[in-house]
Amino acid sequence: MELEMLKYLIPALIMFCCGVYGFVTRKNLIAILISLELMLNAVDINFVVFNRFLFPGQLEGMFFTLFAIVLAAAETALAIAIIVNLFRMAKNVDVRNVNKMKF
C-alpha cells in the first residue's frame, strides 16, 4: 500500500515543488498565477490519494478536491480579470513595477 501511494505522491511533490519554484522566481503575473494553479493541483492529487488509500469507503477527499477546484476556478477568473485591468491601465503586468502601477 505504501509503495502504491508513493507512485502518486512523488509526482504530486514534484508538481508542488515546480509550482513553488515558479511562484518565487517568476516576475510576470500570469506565470505566477500558473505556478499557483500547479501547486493547487498537486494538493488536489494529495487529497484524492489520501482519501483513496486511507479511507477507501468515504468520499471526503473527493469533496475537498471538488471544492478546491471550484475555488481555484473562481480565483483564476478573478485574478485574470484583475491582471487584464492592470494591463489596460499600466500597459504592464510585471511584478517588479508594482510601485509604478499604484494609482
N, C-alpha and C. Protein backbone atom coordinates (compact mmCIF):
# COMPACT_ATOMS: atom_id res chain seq x y z
N MET A 1 0.82 -1.19 0.00
CA MET A 1 0.00 0.00 0.00
C MET A 1 0.87 1.26 0.00
N GLU A 2 1.94 1.26 0.78
CA GLU A 2 2.79 2.44 0.85
C GLU A 2 3.50 2.69 -0.48
N LEU A 3 3.96 1.61 -1.11
CA LEU A 3 4.65 1.77 -2.39
C LEU A 3 3.69 2.25 -3.48
N GLU A 4 2.46 1.77 -3.40
CA GLU A 4 1.46 2.20 -4.38
C GLU A 4 1.08 3.67 -4.17
N MET A 5 1.06 4.11 -2.91
CA MET A 5 0.79 5.53 -2.63
C MET A 5 1.91 6.42 -3.15
N LEU A 6 3.14 5.95 -3.04
CA LEU A 6 4.28 6.75 -3.48
C LEU A 6 4.26 7.01 -4.98
N LYS A 7 3.64 6.10 -5.74
CA LYS A 7 3.54 6.33 -7.19
C LYS A 7 2.75 7.59 -7.51
N TYR A 8 1.86 7.98 -6.61
CA TYR A 8 1.05 9.18 -6.81
C TYR A 8 1.59 10.39 -6.04
N LEU A 9 2.17 10.14 -4.89
CA LEU A 9 2.63 11.24 -4.05
C LEU A 9 3.92 11.88 -4.56
N ILE A 10 4.81 11.10 -5.15
CA ILE A 10 6.06 11.66 -5.67
C ILE A 10 5.81 12.61 -6.83
N PRO A 11 4.98 12.26 -7.84
CA PRO A 11 4.68 13.27 -8.88
C PRO A 11 3.97 14.50 -8.33
N ALA A 12 3.12 14.31 -7.31
CA ALA A 12 2.46 15.46 -6.70
C ALA A 12 3.48 16.35 -5.99
N LEU A 13 4.46 15.74 -5.34
CA LEU A 13 5.52 16.51 -4.70
C LEU A 13 6.35 17.27 -5.73
N ILE A 14 6.65 16.63 -6.84
CA ILE A 14 7.41 17.30 -7.90
C ILE A 14 6.61 18.46 -8.48
N MET A 15 5.31 18.24 -8.69
CA MET A 15 4.45 19.33 -9.18
C MET A 15 4.42 20.50 -8.22
N PHE A 16 4.30 20.20 -6.93
CA PHE A 16 4.23 21.26 -5.93
C PHE A 16 5.55 22.03 -5.88
N CYS A 17 6.66 21.32 -5.93
CA CYS A 17 7.97 21.99 -5.90
C CYS A 17 8.18 22.85 -7.14
N CYS A 18 7.75 22.38 -8.30
CA CYS A 18 7.84 23.19 -9.52
C CYS A 18 6.97 24.44 -9.39
N GLY A 19 5.80 24.29 -8.79
CA GLY A 19 4.94 25.44 -8.58
C GLY A 19 5.54 26.46 -7.63
N VAL A 20 6.16 25.99 -6.55
CA VAL A 20 6.81 26.91 -5.61
C VAL A 20 7.97 27.62 -6.29
N TYR A 21 8.77 26.88 -7.04
CA TYR A 21 9.90 27.48 -7.75
C TYR A 21 9.41 28.55 -8.74
N GLY A 22 8.37 28.23 -9.50
CA GLY A 22 7.83 29.20 -10.44
C GLY A 22 7.24 30.41 -9.76
N PHE A 23 6.58 30.19 -8.63
CA PHE A 23 5.97 31.30 -7.89
C PHE A 23 7.03 32.25 -7.35
N VAL A 24 8.14 31.69 -6.89
CA VAL A 24 9.19 32.51 -6.29
C VAL A 24 10.04 33.22 -7.34
N THR A 25 10.30 32.57 -8.46
CA THR A 25 11.25 33.11 -9.43
C THR A 25 10.62 33.95 -10.54
N ARG A 26 9.38 33.78 -10.85
CA ARG A 26 8.77 34.50 -11.96
C ARG A 26 8.40 35.92 -11.57
N LYS A 27 8.41 36.80 -12.54
CA LYS A 27 8.05 38.20 -12.32
C LYS A 27 6.78 38.60 -13.06
N ASN A 28 6.33 37.74 -13.95
CA ASN A 28 5.11 38.01 -14.70
C ASN A 28 3.91 37.49 -13.91
N LEU A 29 2.86 38.28 -13.83
CA LEU A 29 1.69 37.88 -13.04
C LEU A 29 1.00 36.63 -13.59
N ILE A 30 0.99 36.47 -14.90
CA ILE A 30 0.36 35.28 -15.49
C ILE A 30 1.16 34.03 -15.13
N ALA A 31 2.49 34.11 -15.17
CA ALA A 31 3.33 32.96 -14.81
C ALA A 31 3.18 32.63 -13.33
N ILE A 32 3.04 33.64 -12.50
CA ILE A 32 2.81 33.41 -11.07
C ILE A 32 1.46 32.72 -10.85
N LEU A 33 0.46 33.13 -11.59
CA LEU A 33 -0.86 32.51 -11.49
C LEU A 33 -0.82 31.04 -11.93
N ILE A 34 -0.09 30.75 -12.99
CA ILE A 34 0.05 29.37 -13.45
C ILE A 34 0.77 28.52 -12.40
N SER A 35 1.79 29.08 -11.78
CA SER A 35 2.51 28.35 -10.73
C SER A 35 1.60 28.08 -9.54
N LEU A 36 0.78 29.03 -9.19
CA LEU A 36 -0.17 28.83 -8.10
C LEU A 36 -1.16 27.72 -8.43
N GLU A 37 -1.63 27.68 -9.65
CA GLU A 37 -2.55 26.62 -10.07
C GLU A 37 -1.87 25.26 -10.04
N LEU A 38 -0.58 25.22 -10.38
CA LEU A 38 0.16 23.96 -10.32
C LEU A 38 0.25 23.45 -8.88
N MET A 39 0.47 24.37 -7.94
CA MET A 39 0.51 23.97 -6.53
C MET A 39 -0.86 23.48 -6.07
N LEU A 40 -1.93 24.14 -6.48
CA LEU A 40 -3.28 23.71 -6.09
C LEU A 40 -3.62 22.34 -6.67
N ASN A 41 -3.19 22.06 -7.89
CA ASN A 41 -3.43 20.74 -8.48
C ASN A 41 -2.66 19.65 -7.75
N ALA A 42 -1.45 19.96 -7.29
CA ALA A 42 -0.70 18.97 -6.50
C ALA A 42 -1.42 18.66 -5.19
N VAL A 43 -1.96 19.68 -4.56
CA VAL A 43 -2.72 19.46 -3.33
C VAL A 43 -3.98 18.64 -3.61
N ASP A 44 -4.63 18.89 -4.72
CA ASP A 44 -5.82 18.10 -5.08
C ASP A 44 -5.46 16.63 -5.27
N ILE A 45 -4.32 16.36 -5.89
CA ILE A 45 -3.88 14.98 -6.05
C ILE A 45 -3.67 14.34 -4.68
N ASN A 46 -3.08 15.07 -3.76
CA ASN A 46 -2.87 14.53 -2.41
C ASN A 46 -4.20 14.23 -1.72
N PHE A 47 -5.18 15.12 -1.85
CA PHE A 47 -6.49 14.86 -1.27
C PHE A 47 -7.07 13.53 -1.77
N VAL A 48 -7.01 13.32 -3.07
CA VAL A 48 -7.59 12.12 -3.66
C VAL A 48 -6.81 10.88 -3.25
N VAL A 49 -5.49 10.96 -3.26
CA VAL A 49 -4.68 9.79 -2.91
C VAL A 49 -4.89 9.39 -1.46
N PHE A 50 -4.85 10.36 -0.55
CA PHE A 50 -5.04 10.02 0.86
C PHE A 50 -6.45 9.50 1.12
N ASN A 51 -7.43 10.03 0.44
CA ASN A 51 -8.79 9.52 0.60
C ASN A 51 -8.88 8.09 0.07
N ARG A 52 -8.28 7.84 -1.06
CA ARG A 52 -8.36 6.53 -1.69
C ARG A 52 -7.69 5.45 -0.85
N PHE A 53 -6.54 5.74 -0.29
CA PHE A 53 -5.78 4.71 0.40
C PHE A 53 -6.05 4.65 1.91
N LEU A 54 -6.39 5.75 2.53
CA LEU A 54 -6.61 5.72 3.98
C LEU A 54 -8.07 5.49 4.35
N PHE A 55 -8.99 6.05 3.56
CA PHE A 55 -10.42 5.90 3.82
C PHE A 55 -11.13 5.52 2.53
N PRO A 56 -10.98 4.28 2.07
CA PRO A 56 -11.48 3.92 0.73
C PRO A 56 -13.00 3.96 0.59
N GLY A 57 -13.75 3.82 1.66
CA GLY A 57 -15.20 3.81 1.54
C GLY A 57 -15.85 5.17 1.63
N GLN A 58 -15.07 6.18 1.96
CA GLN A 58 -15.63 7.52 2.17
C GLN A 58 -15.21 8.44 1.04
N LEU A 59 -15.92 9.56 0.91
CA LEU A 59 -15.67 10.47 -0.20
C LEU A 59 -15.24 11.87 0.23
N GLU A 60 -14.74 12.03 1.45
CA GLU A 60 -14.38 13.37 1.91
C GLU A 60 -13.28 13.98 1.06
N GLY A 61 -12.27 13.20 0.70
CA GLY A 61 -11.17 13.71 -0.13
C GLY A 61 -11.65 14.16 -1.50
N MET A 62 -12.60 13.42 -2.04
CA MET A 62 -13.16 13.80 -3.34
C MET A 62 -13.94 15.11 -3.24
N PHE A 63 -14.70 15.26 -2.17
CA PHE A 63 -15.46 16.50 -2.00
C PHE A 63 -14.54 17.69 -1.76
N PHE A 64 -13.47 17.48 -0.97
CA PHE A 64 -12.49 18.55 -0.77
C PHE A 64 -11.85 18.93 -2.10
N THR A 65 -11.57 17.94 -2.93
CA THR A 65 -10.97 18.21 -4.24
C THR A 65 -11.92 18.99 -5.13
N LEU A 66 -13.17 18.59 -5.17
CA LEU A 66 -14.14 19.32 -5.98
C LEU A 66 -14.30 20.75 -5.48
N PHE A 67 -14.34 20.93 -4.17
CA PHE A 67 -14.44 22.27 -3.60
C PHE A 67 -13.21 23.09 -3.95
N ALA A 68 -12.02 22.49 -3.89
CA ALA A 68 -10.78 23.19 -4.22
C ALA A 68 -10.74 23.57 -5.69
N ILE A 69 -11.25 22.70 -6.56
CA ILE A 69 -11.28 23.01 -7.99
C ILE A 69 -12.21 24.18 -8.27
N VAL A 70 -13.36 24.21 -7.61
CA VAL A 70 -14.30 25.32 -7.79
C VAL A 70 -13.67 26.63 -7.30
N LEU A 71 -13.03 26.58 -6.13
CA LEU A 71 -12.36 27.78 -5.62
C LEU A 71 -11.22 28.23 -6.53
N ALA A 72 -10.47 27.27 -7.07
CA ALA A 72 -9.37 27.61 -7.97
C ALA A 72 -9.89 28.25 -9.25
N ALA A 73 -11.01 27.77 -9.76
CA ALA A 73 -11.58 28.35 -10.97
C ALA A 73 -12.05 29.78 -10.71
N ALA A 74 -12.69 30.00 -9.56
CA ALA A 74 -13.14 31.36 -9.22
C ALA A 74 -11.95 32.28 -9.00
N GLU A 75 -10.93 31.79 -8.32
CA GLU A 75 -9.73 32.58 -8.08
C GLU A 75 -9.03 32.93 -9.38
N THR A 76 -8.96 31.99 -10.30
CA THR A 76 -8.32 32.24 -11.58
C THR A 76 -9.10 33.27 -12.40
N ALA A 77 -10.39 33.15 -12.41
CA ALA A 77 -11.20 34.13 -13.16
C ALA A 77 -11.03 35.53 -12.59
N LEU A 78 -11.05 35.64 -11.28
CA LEU A 78 -10.87 36.94 -10.64
C LEU A 78 -9.46 37.48 -10.88
N ALA A 79 -8.45 36.63 -10.76
CA ALA A 79 -7.07 37.08 -10.97
C ALA A 79 -6.84 37.53 -12.41
N ILE A 80 -7.38 36.81 -13.36
CA ILE A 80 -7.20 37.20 -14.76
C ILE A 80 -7.92 38.52 -15.04
N ALA A 81 -9.08 38.72 -14.44
CA ALA A 81 -9.78 40.00 -14.62
C ALA A 81 -8.96 41.14 -14.04
N ILE A 82 -8.35 40.94 -12.88
CA ILE A 82 -7.51 41.98 -12.29
C ILE A 82 -6.28 42.24 -13.15
N ILE A 83 -5.67 41.18 -13.66
CA ILE A 83 -4.47 41.33 -14.49
C ILE A 83 -4.81 42.07 -15.78
N VAL A 84 -5.94 41.75 -16.39
CA VAL A 84 -6.35 42.44 -17.63
C VAL A 84 -6.58 43.92 -17.36
N ASN A 85 -7.23 44.24 -16.25
CA ASN A 85 -7.45 45.66 -15.92
C ASN A 85 -6.14 46.38 -15.62
N LEU A 86 -5.21 45.71 -14.93
CA LEU A 86 -3.90 46.32 -14.70
C LEU A 86 -3.17 46.57 -16.00
N PHE A 87 -3.27 45.62 -16.93
CA PHE A 87 -2.60 45.80 -18.22
C PHE A 87 -3.22 46.94 -19.01
N ARG A 88 -4.53 47.07 -18.93
CA ARG A 88 -5.20 48.18 -19.63
C ARG A 88 -4.78 49.54 -19.07
N MET A 89 -4.62 49.61 -17.76
CA MET A 89 -4.26 50.89 -17.13
C MET A 89 -2.78 51.20 -17.22
N ALA A 90 -1.93 50.22 -16.94
CA ALA A 90 -0.49 50.48 -16.82
C ALA A 90 0.31 49.95 -18.00
N LYS A 91 -0.30 49.16 -18.88
CA LYS A 91 0.38 48.56 -20.03
C LYS A 91 1.55 47.68 -19.59
N ASN A 92 1.41 47.06 -18.40
CA ASN A 92 2.48 46.24 -17.87
C ASN A 92 1.90 45.28 -16.83
N VAL A 93 2.39 44.03 -16.82
CA VAL A 93 1.97 43.06 -15.81
C VAL A 93 3.18 42.49 -15.08
N ASP A 94 4.25 43.25 -15.03
CA ASP A 94 5.47 42.81 -14.38
C ASP A 94 5.42 43.16 -12.89
N VAL A 95 5.77 42.20 -12.04
CA VAL A 95 5.70 42.40 -10.60
C VAL A 95 6.74 43.42 -10.13
N ARG A 96 7.86 43.51 -10.84
CA ARG A 96 8.91 44.44 -10.43
C ARG A 96 8.46 45.89 -10.50
N ASN A 97 7.49 46.19 -11.32
CA ASN A 97 7.00 47.56 -11.47
C ASN A 97 5.72 47.80 -10.68
N VAL A 98 5.54 47.08 -9.59
CA VAL A 98 4.30 47.20 -8.83
C VAL A 98 4.15 48.59 -8.22
N ASN A 99 5.22 49.27 -7.87
CA ASN A 99 5.13 50.63 -7.37
C ASN A 99 4.66 51.60 -8.44
N LYS A 100 4.99 51.33 -9.67
CA LYS A 100 4.56 52.20 -10.77
C LYS A 100 3.10 51.98 -11.10
N MET A 101 2.51 50.85 -10.69
CA MET A 101 1.12 50.55 -11.01
C MET A 101 0.15 51.16 -10.00
N LYS A 102 0.64 51.76 -8.94
CA LYS A 102 -0.27 52.36 -7.96
C LYS A 102 -0.94 53.59 -8.58
N PHE A 103 -2.22 53.74 -8.30
CA PHE A 103 -2.96 54.85 -8.90
C PHE A 103 -3.43 55.79 -7.83
